[in-house]
Amino acid sequence: MGVSVSSTLAAVLRAGRSELNTRFAESRVRHPDLDADAFAEFVRSAVDPVVIAVDRVRPESVTDVARAAYDIALELVGQKLVGPSARTPHVGDAWTRVLPAIAPLVAVQAERTIAAICNAAHHLSATAGARPAAWIDIVSRLGPDCKDVATFLTLGQVAAWGGGGGADKGGGPPPGGENTRWAATAGGGAPK
């Protein structure tokens, strides 16, 4: 990987070089046109800031976070959901704006949190009438106030509902006590 990253991420990449190279090769089998340069740039511009943010709040989680982020980044770049060939900017924007902001949550459940953010941004960007940029604004602003991953995921659902994505098949918000406050904040007012 020819791009420079923080010494923290560089140490993880160096320590896992053989395994990570194998994962890259396996991903290239699934995605033959996986662009190594686009992947390296995404690692530099998106994965590294998350690793740095996690290192500040929970350094013992850095290796697990970096490896989870590496694997998910491989899939996203391979599917052209992030990087220069991405169909929309929303998955990449969600990664770079939301994940560093919620580093304490990423540190606890990296794979679940990263995947949830990326899946939501992708789903919203593919949903007619949804406002993925508004969703990203909401979860990046309110996410740091969440006490745990479950609360954050509920926030994401409410914000998706408020952003036109529908939190469930019925289009309404998920049930819960804190959702009233979030619906008013995230959705721009109470539902009509």
N, C-alpha and C. Protein backbone atom coordinates (compact mmCIF):
# COMPACT_ATOMS: atom_id res chain seq x y z
N MET A 1 0.86 -1.16 0.00
CA MET A 1 0.00 0.00 0.00
C MET A 1 0.91 1.22 0.00
N GLY A 2 0.84 2.01 -1.07
CA GLY A 2 1.78 3.09 -1.26
C GLY A 2 1.36 4.43 -0.67
N VAL A 3 0.26 4.51 0.05
CA VAL A 3 -0.17 5.77 0.63
C VAL A 3 0.21 5.80 2.10
N SER A 4 0.44 7.01 2.61
CA SER A 4 0.85 7.08 4.01
C SER A 4 -0.37 7.12 4.92
N VAL A 5 -0.24 6.41 6.02
CA VAL A 5 -1.28 6.35 7.05
C VAL A 5 -0.61 6.63 8.38
N SER A 6 -1.42 6.78 9.41
CA SER A 6 -0.88 7.03 10.75
C SER A 6 0.02 5.87 11.19
N SER A 7 0.88 6.17 12.13
CA SER A 7 1.75 5.11 12.65
C SER A 7 0.92 4.02 13.33
N THR A 8 -0.22 4.39 13.88
CA THR A 8 -1.08 3.40 14.54
C THR A 8 -1.61 2.39 13.54
N LEU A 9 -2.19 2.87 12.45
CA LEU A 9 -2.71 1.96 11.43
C LEU A 9 -1.56 1.24 10.73
N ALA A 10 -0.46 1.93 10.48
CA ALA A 10 0.68 1.29 9.82
C ALA A 10 1.17 0.09 10.64
N ALA A 11 1.18 0.20 11.96
CA ALA A 11 1.62 -0.91 12.80
C ALA A 11 0.68 -2.11 12.68
N VAL A 12 -0.63 -1.86 12.63
CA VAL A 12 -1.59 -2.95 12.47
C VAL A 12 -1.42 -3.60 11.10
N LEU A 13 -1.27 -2.79 10.08
CA LEU A 13 -1.10 -3.33 8.72
C LEU A 13 0.19 -4.14 8.61
N ARG A 14 1.23 -3.63 9.21
CA ARG A 14 2.52 -4.33 9.17
C ARG A 14 2.43 -5.67 9.90
N ALA A 15 1.82 -5.67 11.08
CA ALA A 15 1.72 -6.89 11.88
C ALA A 15 0.85 -7.95 11.20
N GLY A 16 -0.14 -7.53 10.43
CA GLY A 16 -1.03 -8.48 9.78
C GLY A 16 -0.85 -8.58 8.29
N ARG A 17 0.31 -8.14 7.80
CA ARG A 17 0.55 -8.04 6.36
C ARG A 17 0.16 -9.29 5.58
N SER A 18 0.63 -10.45 6.00
CA SER A 18 0.37 -11.68 5.26
C SER A 18 -1.13 -11.99 5.21
N GLU A 19 -1.78 -11.92 6.35
CA GLU A 19 -3.22 -12.21 6.42
C GLU A 19 -4.02 -11.18 5.62
N LEU A 20 -3.65 -9.92 5.73
CA LEU A 20 -4.39 -8.87 5.01
C LEU A 20 -4.16 -8.98 3.50
N ASN A 21 -2.97 -9.32 3.11
CA ASN A 21 -2.71 -9.54 1.67
C ASN A 21 -3.55 -10.71 1.14
N THR A 22 -3.69 -11.75 1.95
CA THR A 22 -4.53 -12.89 1.56
C THR A 22 -5.98 -12.44 1.42
N ARG A 23 -6.46 -11.63 2.36
CA ARG A 23 -7.83 -11.13 2.28
C ARG A 23 -8.03 -10.28 1.03
N PHE A 24 -7.04 -9.47 0.69
CA PHE A 24 -7.13 -8.66 -0.52
C PHE A 24 -7.22 -9.56 -1.75
N ALA A 25 -6.36 -10.58 -1.81
CA ALA A 25 -6.38 -11.50 -2.95
C ALA A 25 -7.71 -12.23 -3.05
N GLU A 26 -8.27 -12.64 -1.92
CA GLU A 26 -9.58 -13.31 -1.93
C GLU A 26 -10.67 -12.36 -2.41
N SER A 27 -10.58 -11.13 -2.00
CA SER A 27 -11.57 -10.14 -2.44
C SER A 27 -11.46 -9.89 -3.94
N ARG A 28 -10.26 -9.95 -4.44
CA ARG A 28 -10.06 -9.74 -5.89
C ARG A 28 -10.66 -10.89 -6.71
N VAL A 29 -10.76 -12.06 -6.12
CA VAL A 29 -11.43 -13.17 -6.79
C VAL A 29 -12.92 -12.87 -6.90
N ARG A 30 -13.51 -12.36 -5.83
CA ARG A 30 -14.94 -12.00 -5.83
C ARG A 30 -15.21 -10.76 -6.69
N HIS A 31 -14.26 -9.84 -6.69
CA HIS A 31 -14.40 -8.57 -7.41
C HIS A 31 -13.17 -8.38 -8.29
N PRO A 32 -13.13 -9.01 -9.48
CA PRO A 32 -11.92 -8.97 -10.31
C PRO A 32 -11.43 -7.58 -10.67
N ASP A 33 -12.34 -6.61 -10.71
CA ASP A 33 -11.91 -5.26 -11.05
C ASP A 33 -11.63 -4.39 -9.83
N LEU A 34 -11.41 -5.03 -8.66
CA LEU A 34 -11.07 -4.30 -7.45
C LEU A 34 -9.84 -3.45 -7.73
N ASP A 35 -9.97 -2.17 -7.53
CA ASP A 35 -8.91 -1.20 -7.83
C ASP A 35 -8.02 -1.02 -6.59
N ALA A 36 -6.79 -1.50 -6.68
CA ALA A 36 -5.87 -1.44 -5.54
C ALA A 36 -5.59 0.00 -5.13
N ASP A 37 -5.46 0.90 -6.09
CA ASP A 37 -5.20 2.30 -5.76
C ASP A 37 -6.41 2.94 -5.06
N ALA A 38 -7.61 2.63 -5.55
CA ALA A 38 -8.82 3.17 -4.91
C ALA A 38 -8.95 2.62 -3.49
N PHE A 39 -8.62 1.35 -3.31
CA PHE A 39 -8.68 0.75 -1.97
C PHE A 39 -7.66 1.43 -1.05
N ALA A 40 -6.43 1.59 -1.53
CA ALA A 40 -5.39 2.22 -0.71
C ALA A 40 -5.80 3.65 -0.33
N GLU A 41 -6.39 4.36 -1.25
CA GLU A 41 -6.83 5.72 -0.95
C GLU A 41 -7.97 5.73 0.07
N PHE A 42 -8.89 4.77 -0.03
CA PHE A 42 -9.97 4.70 0.95
C PHE A 42 -9.43 4.35 2.33
N VAL A 43 -8.45 3.47 2.38
CA VAL A 43 -7.82 3.16 3.67
C VAL A 43 -7.20 4.42 4.25
N ARG A 44 -6.51 5.18 3.42
CA ARG A 44 -5.86 6.40 3.91
C ARG A 44 -6.88 7.46 4.35
N SER A 45 -7.89 7.69 3.52
CA SER A 45 -8.79 8.82 3.77
C SER A 45 -9.97 8.48 4.67
N ALA A 46 -10.32 7.20 4.80
CA ALA A 46 -11.52 6.84 5.56
C ALA A 46 -11.24 5.88 6.72
N VAL A 47 -10.47 4.83 6.47
CA VAL A 47 -10.19 3.87 7.54
C VAL A 47 -9.26 4.49 8.58
N ASP A 48 -8.21 5.15 8.14
CA ASP A 48 -7.23 5.71 9.07
C ASP A 48 -7.85 6.70 10.07
N PRO A 49 -8.70 7.63 9.64
CA PRO A 49 -9.30 8.53 10.64
C PRO A 49 -10.13 7.81 11.70
N VAL A 50 -10.77 6.71 11.34
CA VAL A 50 -11.54 5.94 12.33
C VAL A 50 -10.57 5.28 13.32
N VAL A 51 -9.51 4.71 12.80
CA VAL A 51 -8.50 4.07 13.66
C VAL A 51 -7.89 5.09 14.62
N ILE A 52 -7.58 6.27 14.11
CA ILE A 52 -7.01 7.33 14.96
C ILE A 52 -8.00 7.72 16.04
N ALA A 53 -9.27 7.88 15.68
CA ALA A 53 -10.30 8.26 16.65
C ALA A 53 -10.47 7.18 17.72
N VAL A 54 -10.45 5.92 17.31
CA VAL A 54 -10.57 4.83 18.28
C VAL A 54 -9.34 4.78 19.18
N ASP A 55 -8.18 5.02 18.62
CA ASP A 55 -6.94 5.01 19.41
C ASP A 55 -6.99 6.04 20.53
N ARG A 56 -7.67 7.15 20.30
CA ARG A 56 -7.78 8.21 21.31
C ARG A 56 -8.67 7.79 22.49
N VAL A 57 -9.69 6.97 22.21
CA VAL A 57 -10.65 6.64 23.27
C VAL A 57 -10.49 5.24 23.84
N ARG A 58 -9.98 4.32 23.03
CA ARG A 58 -9.84 2.93 23.49
C ARG A 58 -8.74 2.23 22.68
N PRO A 59 -7.49 2.54 22.99
CA PRO A 59 -6.37 2.01 22.19
C PRO A 59 -6.31 0.50 22.11
N GLU A 60 -6.82 -0.19 23.14
CA GLU A 60 -6.78 -1.66 23.11
C GLU A 60 -7.69 -2.25 22.04
N SER A 61 -8.56 -1.44 21.45
CA SER A 61 -9.48 -1.92 20.40
C SER A 61 -8.99 -1.65 18.99
N VAL A 62 -7.86 -0.97 18.86
CA VAL A 62 -7.39 -0.53 17.55
C VAL A 62 -7.24 -1.68 16.56
N THR A 63 -6.61 -2.76 16.95
CA THR A 63 -6.37 -3.87 16.02
C THR A 63 -7.68 -4.46 15.52
N ASP A 64 -8.61 -4.72 16.42
CA ASP A 64 -9.90 -5.28 16.01
C ASP A 64 -10.66 -4.32 15.09
N VAL A 65 -10.64 -3.04 15.42
CA VAL A 65 -11.33 -2.04 14.59
C VAL A 65 -10.67 -1.95 13.22
N ALA A 66 -9.36 -1.89 13.19
CA ALA A 66 -8.64 -1.77 11.91
C ALA A 66 -8.92 -2.97 11.00
N ARG A 67 -8.92 -4.15 11.57
CA ARG A 67 -9.17 -5.36 10.76
C ARG A 67 -10.61 -5.41 10.26
N ALA A 68 -11.56 -5.07 11.11
CA ALA A 68 -12.96 -5.04 10.68
C ALA A 68 -13.14 -3.98 9.59
N ALA A 69 -12.56 -2.81 9.80
CA ALA A 69 -12.68 -1.74 8.81
C ALA A 69 -12.02 -2.14 7.49
N TYR A 70 -10.88 -2.80 7.56
CA TYR A 70 -10.18 -3.27 6.35
C TYR A 70 -11.07 -4.21 5.55
N ASP A 71 -11.66 -5.18 6.23
CA ASP A 71 -12.51 -6.16 5.54
C ASP A 71 -13.74 -5.51 4.91
N ILE A 72 -14.39 -4.63 5.65
CA ILE A 72 -15.58 -3.97 5.12
C ILE A 72 -15.19 -3.03 3.98
N ALA A 73 -14.07 -2.34 4.13
CA ALA A 73 -13.60 -1.46 3.06
C ALA A 73 -13.32 -2.24 1.78
N LEU A 74 -12.74 -3.42 1.91
CA LEU A 74 -12.50 -4.26 0.72
C LEU A 74 -13.81 -4.54 -0.01
N GLU A 75 -14.83 -4.89 0.74
CA GLU A 75 -16.13 -5.20 0.13
C GLU A 75 -16.74 -3.96 -0.51
N LEU A 76 -16.67 -2.84 0.18
CA LEU A 76 -17.28 -1.61 -0.34
C LEU A 76 -16.57 -1.11 -1.60
N VAL A 77 -15.26 -1.14 -1.60
CA VAL A 77 -14.50 -0.71 -2.79
C VAL A 77 -14.74 -1.71 -3.92
N GLY A 78 -14.74 -3.01 -3.58
CA GLY A 78 -14.99 -4.04 -4.59
C GLY A 78 -16.35 -3.92 -5.25
N GLN A 79 -17.36 -3.52 -4.47
CA GLN A 79 -18.71 -3.34 -5.01
C GLN A 79 -18.94 -1.94 -5.58
N LYS A 80 -17.90 -1.12 -5.53
CA LYS A 80 -17.97 0.26 -6.01
C LYS A 80 -19.03 1.08 -5.27
N LEU A 81 -19.08 0.88 -3.97
CA LEU A 81 -19.98 1.66 -3.12
C LEU A 81 -19.25 2.84 -2.48
N VAL A 82 -17.92 2.81 -2.52
CA VAL A 82 -17.09 3.93 -2.06
C VAL A 82 -15.95 4.09 -3.06
N GLY A 83 -15.30 5.23 -3.00
CA GLY A 83 -14.17 5.47 -3.87
C GLY A 83 -14.58 6.21 -5.14
N PRO A 84 -13.64 6.39 -6.05
CA PRO A 84 -13.90 7.21 -7.25
C PRO A 84 -14.95 6.62 -8.18
N SER A 85 -15.19 5.32 -8.12
CA SER A 85 -16.18 4.69 -8.99
C SER A 85 -17.53 4.51 -8.31
N ALA A 86 -17.70 5.04 -7.10
CA ALA A 86 -18.95 4.87 -6.36
C ALA A 86 -20.11 5.51 -7.11
N ARG A 87 -21.25 4.83 -7.06
CA ARG A 87 -22.45 5.33 -7.75
C ARG A 87 -23.01 6.57 -7.06
N THR A 88 -22.86 6.66 -5.74
CA THR A 88 -23.25 7.84 -4.97
C THR A 88 -22.17 8.08 -3.92
N PRO A 89 -22.11 9.28 -3.38
CA PRO A 89 -21.08 9.55 -2.36
C PRO A 89 -21.51 9.17 -0.95
N HIS A 90 -22.74 8.72 -0.76
CA HIS A 90 -23.30 8.64 0.58
C HIS A 90 -22.66 7.61 1.50
N VAL A 91 -22.28 6.45 1.00
CA VAL A 91 -21.66 5.45 1.88
C VAL A 91 -20.31 5.97 2.36
N GLY A 92 -19.53 6.52 1.45
CA GLY A 92 -18.24 7.09 1.84
C GLY A 92 -18.38 8.27 2.78
N ASP A 93 -19.37 9.13 2.52
CA ASP A 93 -19.61 10.27 3.41
C ASP A 93 -20.03 9.80 4.80
N ALA A 94 -20.90 8.79 4.85
CA ALA A 94 -21.34 8.27 6.15
C ALA A 94 -20.13 7.72 6.92
N TRP A 95 -19.28 6.98 6.22
CA TRP A 95 -18.09 6.42 6.87
C TRP A 95 -17.23 7.54 7.46
N THR A 96 -16.90 8.54 6.65
CA THR A 96 -15.94 9.56 7.10
C THR A 96 -16.53 10.54 8.10
N ARG A 97 -17.83 10.76 8.06
CA ARG A 97 -18.44 11.73 8.98
C ARG A 97 -18.97 11.09 10.25
N VAL A 98 -19.55 9.91 10.15
CA VAL A 98 -20.21 9.31 11.31
C VAL A 98 -19.24 8.48 12.15
N LEU A 99 -18.49 7.60 11.54
CA LEU A 99 -17.68 6.65 12.32
C LEU A 99 -16.66 7.31 13.24
N PRO A 100 -15.89 8.31 12.79
CA PRO A 100 -14.98 8.95 13.76
C PRO A 100 -15.73 9.63 14.90
N ALA A 101 -16.93 10.15 14.62
CA ALA A 101 -17.72 10.84 15.64
C ALA A 101 -18.21 9.89 16.73
N ILE A 102 -18.38 8.63 16.38
CA ILE A 102 -18.88 7.65 17.35
C ILE A 102 -17.81 6.61 17.68
N ALA A 103 -16.57 7.05 17.71
CA ALA A 103 -15.44 6.15 17.96
C ALA A 103 -15.61 5.27 19.20
N PRO A 104 -16.15 5.77 20.32
CA PRO A 104 -16.32 4.89 21.48
C PRO A 104 -17.24 3.69 21.18
N LEU A 105 -18.23 3.89 20.33
CA LEU A 105 -19.14 2.80 19.97
C LEU A 105 -18.47 1.86 18.97
N VAL A 106 -17.75 2.42 18.02
CA VAL A 106 -17.02 1.60 17.05
C VAL A 106 -16.01 0.72 17.78
N ALA A 107 -15.38 1.27 18.81
CA ALA A 107 -14.38 0.52 19.56
C ALA A 107 -14.96 -0.71 20.24
N VAL A 108 -16.24 -0.65 20.61
CA VAL A 108 -16.88 -1.74 21.32
C VAL A 108 -17.41 -2.81 20.37
N GLN A 109 -18.01 -2.40 19.26
CA GLN A 109 -18.59 -3.34 18.30
C GLN A 109 -18.29 -2.85 16.88
N ALA A 110 -17.06 -2.99 16.47
CA ALA A 110 -16.60 -2.41 15.21
C ALA A 110 -17.37 -2.94 14.00
N GLU A 111 -17.38 -4.23 13.82
CA GLU A 111 -18.00 -4.79 12.62
C GLU A 111 -19.48 -4.43 12.53
N ARG A 112 -20.19 -4.60 13.64
CA ARG A 112 -21.62 -4.32 13.65
C ARG A 112 -21.90 -2.84 13.35
N THR A 113 -21.15 -1.95 13.98
CA THR A 113 -21.38 -0.52 13.83
C THR A 113 -21.01 -0.04 12.43
N ILE A 114 -19.86 -0.43 11.94
CA ILE A 114 -19.43 -0.01 10.60
C ILE A 114 -20.40 -0.53 9.55
N ALA A 115 -20.76 -1.81 9.66
CA ALA A 115 -21.69 -2.39 8.68
C ALA A 115 -23.04 -1.70 8.73
N ALA A 116 -23.53 -1.40 9.93
CA ALA A 116 -24.84 -0.75 10.04
C ALA A 116 -24.84 0.62 9.39
N ILE A 117 -23.81 1.39 9.62
CA ILE A 117 -23.71 2.73 9.02
C ILE A 117 -23.68 2.63 7.49
N CYS A 118 -22.83 1.75 6.99
CA CYS A 118 -22.69 1.61 5.53
C CYS A 118 -23.97 1.06 4.89
N ASN A 119 -24.57 0.06 5.52
CA ASN A 119 -25.82 -0.50 4.98
C ASN A 119 -26.93 0.54 4.96
N ALA A 120 -27.05 1.31 6.03
CA ALA A 120 -28.10 2.34 6.08
C ALA A 120 -27.88 3.40 5.01
N ALA A 121 -26.65 3.86 4.88
CA ALA A 121 -26.37 4.88 3.86
C ALA A 121 -26.64 4.34 2.46
N HIS A 122 -26.27 3.10 2.22
CA HIS A 122 -26.52 2.50 0.91
C HIS A 122 -28.02 2.35 0.67
N HIS A 123 -28.74 1.84 1.66
CA HIS A 123 -30.18 1.66 1.52
C HIS A 123 -30.86 3.00 1.26
N LEU A 124 -30.51 4.01 2.03
CA LEU A 124 -31.13 5.33 1.86
C LEU A 124 -30.81 5.93 0.49
N SER A 125 -29.57 5.72 0.02
CA SER A 125 -29.21 6.29 -1.27
C SER A 125 -29.94 5.60 -2.42
N ALA A 126 -30.45 4.39 -2.17
CA ALA A 126 -31.18 3.65 -3.21
C ALA A 126 -32.69 3.77 -3.06
N THR A 127 -33.15 4.51 -2.06
CA THR A 127 -34.58 4.63 -1.79
C THR A 127 -35.10 5.96 -2.33
N ALA A 128 -36.04 5.88 -3.24
CA ALA A 128 -36.63 7.09 -3.81
C ALA A 128 -37.24 7.95 -2.72
N GLY A 129 -36.93 9.21 -2.73
CA GLY A 129 -37.50 10.14 -1.76
C GLY A 129 -36.74 10.24 -0.46
N ALA A 130 -35.81 9.32 -0.21
CA ALA A 130 -35.02 9.38 1.03
C ALA A 130 -33.98 10.48 0.91
N ARG A 131 -33.51 10.94 2.04
CA ARG A 131 -32.51 12.00 2.08
C ARG A 131 -31.28 11.51 2.83
N PRO A 132 -30.41 10.75 2.15
CA PRO A 132 -29.26 10.19 2.85
C PRO A 132 -28.32 11.24 3.44
N ALA A 133 -28.16 12.37 2.78
CA ALA A 133 -27.28 13.41 3.33
C ALA A 133 -27.85 13.95 4.64
N ALA A 134 -29.17 14.10 4.72
CA ALA A 134 -29.81 14.56 5.97
C ALA A 134 -29.62 13.51 7.06
N TRP A 135 -29.75 12.24 6.70
CA TRP A 135 -29.54 11.16 7.67
C TRP A 135 -28.13 11.20 8.22
N ILE A 136 -27.15 11.38 7.34
CA ILE A 136 -25.75 11.46 7.77
C ILE A 136 -25.56 12.64 8.72
N ASP A 137 -26.16 13.79 8.39
CA ASP A 137 -26.06 14.96 9.27
C ASP A 137 -26.61 14.64 10.66
N ILE A 138 -27.77 14.00 10.70
CA ILE A 138 -28.44 13.71 11.97
C ILE A 138 -27.62 12.74 12.82
N VAL A 139 -27.23 11.60 12.23
CA VAL A 139 -26.52 10.60 13.05
C VAL A 139 -25.12 11.05 13.42
N SER A 140 -24.49 11.88 12.60
CA SER A 140 -23.16 12.37 12.99
C SER A 140 -23.28 13.41 14.10
N ARG A 141 -24.39 14.14 14.13
CA ARG A 141 -24.60 15.15 15.17
C ARG A 141 -25.07 14.53 16.48
N LEU A 142 -26.02 13.60 16.43
CA LEU A 142 -26.60 13.04 17.64
C LEU A 142 -25.94 11.74 18.10
N GLY A 143 -25.27 11.05 17.21
CA GLY A 143 -24.65 9.77 17.54
C GLY A 143 -23.69 9.81 18.71
N PRO A 144 -22.84 10.85 18.83
CA PRO A 144 -21.92 10.88 19.96
C PRO A 144 -22.61 10.92 21.33
N ASP A 145 -23.89 11.27 21.36
CA ASP A 145 -24.62 11.30 22.63
C ASP A 145 -25.17 9.93 23.02
N CYS A 146 -25.09 8.96 22.14
CA CYS A 146 -25.64 7.62 22.43
C CYS A 146 -24.73 6.88 23.41
N LYS A 147 -25.37 6.24 24.38
CA LYS A 147 -24.61 5.56 25.44
C LYS A 147 -24.12 4.18 25.03
N ASP A 148 -24.75 3.59 24.01
CA ASP A 148 -24.33 2.26 23.57
C ASP A 148 -24.75 2.05 22.11
N VAL A 149 -24.29 0.95 21.54
CA VAL A 149 -24.55 0.67 20.13
C VAL A 149 -26.04 0.48 19.87
N ALA A 150 -26.74 -0.19 20.76
CA ALA A 150 -28.18 -0.41 20.55
C ALA A 150 -28.92 0.92 20.47
N THR A 151 -28.58 1.85 21.34
CA THR A 151 -29.22 3.17 21.30
C THR A 151 -28.87 3.88 20.00
N PHE A 152 -27.62 3.79 19.59
CA PHE A 152 -27.21 4.41 18.33
C PHE A 152 -27.98 3.83 17.14
N LEU A 153 -28.15 2.51 17.12
CA LEU A 153 -28.87 1.88 16.02
C LEU A 153 -30.33 2.34 15.99
N THR A 154 -30.91 2.53 17.15
CA THR A 154 -32.27 3.07 17.21
C THR A 154 -32.29 4.49 16.66
N LEU A 155 -31.32 5.29 17.03
CA LEU A 155 -31.21 6.63 16.47
C LEU A 155 -31.15 6.57 14.95
N GLY A 156 -30.35 5.66 14.43
CA GLY A 156 -30.24 5.52 12.98
C GLY A 156 -31.57 5.18 12.33
N GLN A 157 -32.35 4.31 12.98
CA GLN A 157 -33.67 3.97 12.46
C GLN A 157 -34.60 5.17 12.48
N VAL A 158 -34.60 5.89 13.58
CA VAL A 158 -35.48 7.05 13.69
C VAL A 158 -35.06 8.12 12.67
N ALA A 159 -33.77 8.33 12.54
CA ALA A 159 -33.28 9.31 11.57
C ALA A 159 -33.63 8.89 10.14
N ALA A 160 -33.58 7.58 9.86
CA ALA A 160 -33.97 7.10 8.52
C ALA A 160 -35.45 7.35 8.29
N TRP A 161 -36.25 7.09 9.30
CA TRP A 161 -37.69 7.36 9.19
C TRP A 161 -37.92 8.84 8.94
N GLY A 162 -37.24 9.68 9.72
CA GLY A 162 -37.39 11.12 9.54
C GLY A 162 -36.83 11.61 8.22
N GLY A 163 -35.88 10.87 7.66
CA GLY A 163 -35.27 11.26 6.39
C GLY A 163 -35.95 10.63 5.20
N GLY A 164 -37.11 10.03 5.40
CA GLY A 164 -37.87 9.49 4.28
C GLY A 164 -37.54 8.07 3.92
N GLY A 165 -36.67 7.40 4.70
CA GLY A 165 -36.28 6.05 4.35
C GLY A 165 -37.17 4.98 4.94
N GLY A 166 -37.94 5.32 5.97
CA GLY A 166 -38.78 4.33 6.63
C GLY A 166 -37.95 3.41 7.47
N ALA A 167 -38.18 3.41 8.76
CA ALA A 167 -37.40 2.58 9.67
C ALA A 167 -37.81 1.12 9.60
N ASP A 168 -39.01 0.85 9.13
CA ASP A 168 -39.45 -0.53 8.98
C ASP A 168 -40.37 -0.59 7.77
N LYS A 169 -40.91 -1.74 7.47
CA LYS A 169 -41.72 -1.88 6.26
C LYS A 169 -42.99 -1.05 6.31
N GLY A 170 -43.44 -0.70 7.52
CA GLY A 170 -44.62 0.12 7.65
C GLY A 170 -44.33 1.61 7.51
N GLY A 171 -43.06 1.99 7.45
CA GLY A 171 -42.68 3.37 7.27
C GLY A 171 -42.67 4.20 8.54
N GLY A 172 -42.99 3.61 9.67
CA GLY A 172 -43.02 4.35 10.92
C GLY A 172 -41.76 4.14 11.73
N PRO A 173 -41.63 4.90 12.80
CA PRO A 173 -40.43 4.76 13.63
C PRO A 173 -40.50 3.52 14.49
N PRO A 174 -39.34 3.01 14.91
CA PRO A 174 -39.36 1.89 15.83
C PRO A 174 -39.88 2.36 17.18
N PRO A 175 -40.47 1.46 17.97
CA PRO A 175 -40.99 1.86 19.27
C PRO A 175 -39.87 2.14 20.25
N GLY A 176 -40.14 3.00 21.22
CA GLY A 176 -39.14 3.24 22.25
C GLY A 176 -39.34 4.59 22.90
N GLY A 177 -38.95 4.70 24.17
CA GLY A 177 -39.17 5.90 24.93
C GLY A 177 -38.41 7.12 24.45
N GLU A 178 -37.14 6.93 24.06
CA GLU A 178 -36.35 8.08 23.65
C GLU A 178 -36.67 8.51 22.23
N ASN A 179 -37.42 7.72 21.49
CA ASN A 179 -37.68 8.03 20.09
C ASN A 179 -38.47 9.31 19.89
N THR A 180 -39.31 9.69 20.83
CA THR A 180 -40.09 10.90 20.68
C THR A 180 -39.18 12.11 20.55
N ARG A 181 -38.18 12.20 21.44
CA ARG A 181 -37.23 13.32 21.37
C ARG A 181 -36.45 13.26 20.07
N TRP A 182 -35.97 12.08 19.70
CA TRP A 182 -35.20 11.96 18.47
C TRP A 182 -36.05 12.24 17.25
N ALA A 183 -37.29 11.79 17.25
CA ALA A 183 -38.15 12.05 16.09
C ALA A 183 -38.32 13.54 15.89
N ALA A 184 -38.50 14.27 16.97
CA ALA A 184 -38.65 15.72 16.85
C ALA A 184 -37.36 16.36 16.37
N THR A 185 -36.22 15.86 16.86
CA THR A 185 -34.94 16.42 16.47
C THR A 185 -34.50 15.92 15.10
N ALA A 186 -34.53 14.61 14.92
CA ALA A 186 -34.01 14.01 13.69
C ALA A 186 -34.94 14.21 12.51
N GLY A 187 -36.23 14.07 12.74
CA GLY A 187 -37.17 14.12 11.64
C GLY A 187 -37.66 15.51 11.31
N GLY A 188 -37.21 16.50 12.04
CA GLY A 188 -37.62 17.86 11.75
C GLY A 188 -39.00 18.17 12.31
N GLY A 189 -39.44 17.41 13.28
CA GLY A 189 -40.74 17.64 13.89
C GLY A 189 -41.49 16.34 14.05
N ALA A 190 -42.55 16.38 14.80
CA ALA A 190 -43.35 15.16 15.03
C ALA A 190 -44.04 14.75 13.75
N PRO A 191 -44.25 13.44 13.58
CA PRO A 191 -44.93 12.99 12.37
C PRO A 191 -46.35 13.51 12.31
N LYS A 192 -46.84 13.71 11.12
CA LYS A 192 -48.20 14.22 10.93
C LYS A 192 -49.16 13.09 10.74
